[in-house]
Amino acid sequence: MKKEYDFENAKRGPVIPSQGKTRITIFLDDDILEAFRSRAEEAGRGYQTMINDALRMYLGKASRPVDEETLRRVIREELKKTG
């Protein structure tokens, strides 16, 4: 290891992005954000992590096919409303 280094011609290298996370800007309703913040504080977690988990859970449910039991339940509920 040298005693001194010459940084006169040094150039900044590229910033290595973290894997799996992307910084975004998003507009949320004030009441939604406040609800996530208060729930996160109660749980001792970060509100952004909680929003991420909610989105992941929603997408997981949306991508699953509807099973027969759920379909029958929904049809019965709708028939009761009309009948």
C-alpha atoms as a PDB file:
ATOM      1  CA  MET A   1       0.000   0.000   0.000  1.00  0.00           C
ATOM      2  CA  LYS A   2       1.351   3.390  -0.986  1.00  0.00           C
ATOM      3  CA  LYS A   3       1.740   6.225   1.495  1.00  0.00           C
ATOM      4  CA  GLU A   4       0.041   8.643  -0.923  1.00  0.00           C
ATOM      5  CA  TYR A   5      -2.242   8.236  -3.917  1.00  0.00           C
ATOM      6  CA  ASP A   6      -2.619  10.698  -6.795  1.00  0.00           C
ATOM      7  CA  PHE A   7      -6.321  11.326  -7.482  1.00  0.00           C
ATOM      8  CA  GLU A   8      -5.723  14.242  -9.864  1.00  0.00           C
ATOM      9  CA  ASN A   9      -6.889  12.308 -12.939  1.00  0.00           C
ATOM     10  CA  ALA A  10      -9.327  10.044 -11.121  1.00  0.00           C
ATOM     11  CA  LYS A  11     -12.830   9.554 -12.425  1.00  0.00           C
ATOM     12  CA  ARG A  12     -15.859   8.498 -10.480  1.00  0.00           C
ATOM     13  CA  GLY A  13     -16.934   4.955 -11.308  1.00  0.00           C
ATOM     14  CA  PRO A  14     -20.518   3.879 -11.947  1.00  0.00           C
ATOM     15  CA  VAL A  15     -22.824   3.452  -8.986  1.00  0.00           C
ATOM     16  CA  ILE A  16     -23.754  -0.190  -8.672  1.00  0.00           C
ATOM     17  CA  PRO A  17     -27.550  -0.405  -8.347  1.00  0.00           C
ATOM     18  CA  SER A  18     -28.982  -2.582  -5.619  1.00  0.00           C
ATOM     19  CA  GLN A  19     -30.530  -5.819  -6.823  1.00  0.00           C
ATOM     20  CA  GLY A  20     -34.268  -6.291  -6.623  1.00  0.00           C
ATOM     21  CA  LYS A  21     -35.380  -2.785  -5.660  1.00  0.00           C
ATOM     22  CA  THR A  22     -36.127   0.251  -7.826  1.00  0.00           C
ATOM     23  CA  ARG A  23     -36.670   3.753  -6.519  1.00  0.00           C
ATOM     24  CA  ILE A  24     -39.881   5.315  -7.848  1.00  0.00           C
ATOM     25  CA  THR A  25     -42.020   8.375  -7.225  1.00  0.00           C
ATOM     26  CA  ILE A  26     -45.720   7.661  -6.713  1.00  0.00           C
ATOM     27  CA  PHE A  27     -48.720   9.757  -5.724  1.00  0.00           C
ATOM     28  CA  LEU A  28     -50.926   8.209  -3.029  1.00  0.00           C
ATOM     29  CA  ASP A  29     -54.012   9.612  -1.336  1.00  0.00           C
ATOM     30  CA  ASP A  30     -53.141  11.216   1.997  1.00  0.00           C
ATOM     31  CA  ASP A  31     -55.437   8.912   3.974  1.00  0.00           C
ATOM     32  CA  ILE A  32     -53.910   5.800   2.399  1.00  0.00           C
ATOM     33  CA  LEU A  33     -50.382   6.921   3.202  1.00  0.00           C
ATOM     34  CA  GLU A  34     -51.342   7.870   6.755  1.00  0.00           C
ATOM     35  CA  ALA A  35     -52.983   4.466   7.279  1.00  0.00           C
ATOM     36  CA  PHE A  36     -49.839   2.666   6.132  1.00  0.00           C
ATOM     37  CA  ARG A  37     -47.642   4.883   8.302  1.00  0.00           C
ATOM     38  CA  SER A  38     -49.716   4.326  11.438  1.00  0.00           C
ATOM     39  CA  ARG A  39     -49.997   0.563  10.877  1.00  0.00           C
ATOM     40  CA  ALA A  40     -46.281   0.331  10.182  1.00  0.00           C
ATOM     41  CA  GLU A  41     -45.487   2.243  13.364  1.00  0.00           C
ATOM     42  CA  GLU A  42     -47.708  -0.103  15.402  1.00  0.00           C
ATOM     43  CA  ALA A  43     -46.004  -3.118  13.837  1.00  0.00           C
ATOM     44  CA  GLY A  44     -42.512  -1.660  14.200  1.00  0.00           C
ATOM     45  CA  ARG A  45     -41.873  -1.869  10.448  1.00  0.00           C
ATOM     46  CA  GLY A  46     -41.251   0.567   7.641  1.00  0.00           C
ATOM     47  CA  TYR A  47     -44.319   1.875   5.837  1.00  0.00           C
ATOM     48  CA  GLN A  48     -42.678   1.447   2.427  1.00  0.00           C
ATOM     49  CA  THR A  49     -42.016  -2.208   3.199  1.00  0.00           C
ATOM     50  CA  MET A  50     -45.634  -2.583   4.254  1.00  0.00           C
ATOM     51  CA  ILE A  51     -46.859  -0.991   0.997  1.00  0.00           C
ATOM     52  CA  ASN A  52     -44.561  -3.341  -0.952  1.00  0.00           C
ATOM     53  CA  ASP A  53     -45.932  -6.351   0.936  1.00  0.00           C
ATOM     54  CA  ALA A  54     -49.541  -5.246   0.274  1.00  0.00           C
ATOM     55  CA  LEU A  55     -48.839  -4.872  -3.443  1.00  0.00           C
ATOM     56  CA  ARG A  56     -47.120  -8.254  -3.558  1.00  0.00           C
ATOM     57  CA  MET A  57     -50.050  -9.893  -1.754  1.00  0.00           C
ATOM     58  CA  TYR A  58     -52.549  -8.239  -4.137  1.00  0.00           C
ATOM     59  CA  LEU A  59     -50.636  -9.366  -7.199  1.00  0.00           C
ATOM     60  CA  GLY A  60     -50.366 -12.879  -5.818  1.00  0.00           C
ATOM     61  CA  LYS A  61     -54.129 -13.072  -5.336  1.00  0.00           C
ATOM     62  CA  ALA A  62     -54.828 -11.535  -8.727  1.00  0.00           C
ATOM     63  CA  SER A  63     -52.643 -14.053 -10.539  1.00  0.00           C
ATOM     64  CA  ARG A  64     -54.193 -17.141  -8.951  1.00  0.00           C
ATOM     65  CA  PRO A  65     -57.060 -18.811 -10.797  1.00  0.00           C
ATOM     66  CA  VAL A  66     -60.439 -18.802  -9.062  1.00  0.00           C
ATOM     67  CA  ASP A  67     -61.206 -22.162  -7.498  1.00  0.00           C
ATOM     68  CA  GLU A  68     -64.612 -23.856  -7.726  1.00  0.00           C
ATOM     69  CA  GLU A  69     -65.580 -23.153  -4.125  1.00  0.00           C
ATOM     70  CA  THR A  70     -64.939 -19.418  -4.477  1.00  0.00           C
ATOM     71  CA  LEU A  71     -66.810 -19.272  -7.778  1.00  0.00           C
ATOM     72  CA  ARG A  72     -69.834 -21.018  -6.276  1.00  0.00           C
ATOM     73  CA  ARG A  73     -69.815 -18.689  -3.252  1.00  0.00           C
ATOM     74  CA  VAL A  74     -69.718 -15.593  -5.450  1.00  0.00           C
ATOM     75  CA  ILE A  75     -72.511 -16.884  -7.687  1.00  0.00           C
ATOM     76  CA  ARG A  76     -74.690 -17.628  -4.627  1.00  0.00           C
ATOM     77  CA  GLU A  77     -74.058 -14.119  -3.248  1.00  0.00           C
ATOM     78  CA  GLU A  78     -74.967 -12.525  -6.564  1.00  0.00           C
ATOM     79  CA  LEU A  79     -78.112 -14.657  -6.926  1.00  0.00           C
ATOM     80  CA  LYS A  80     -79.269 -13.613  -3.438  1.00  0.00           C
ATOM     81  CA  LYS A  81     -78.897  -9.948  -4.429  1.00  0.00           C
ATOM     82  CA  THR A  82     -81.097 -10.409  -7.499  1.00  0.00           C
ATOM     83  CA  GLY A  83     -83.659 -12.760  -6.107  1.00  0.00           C
END
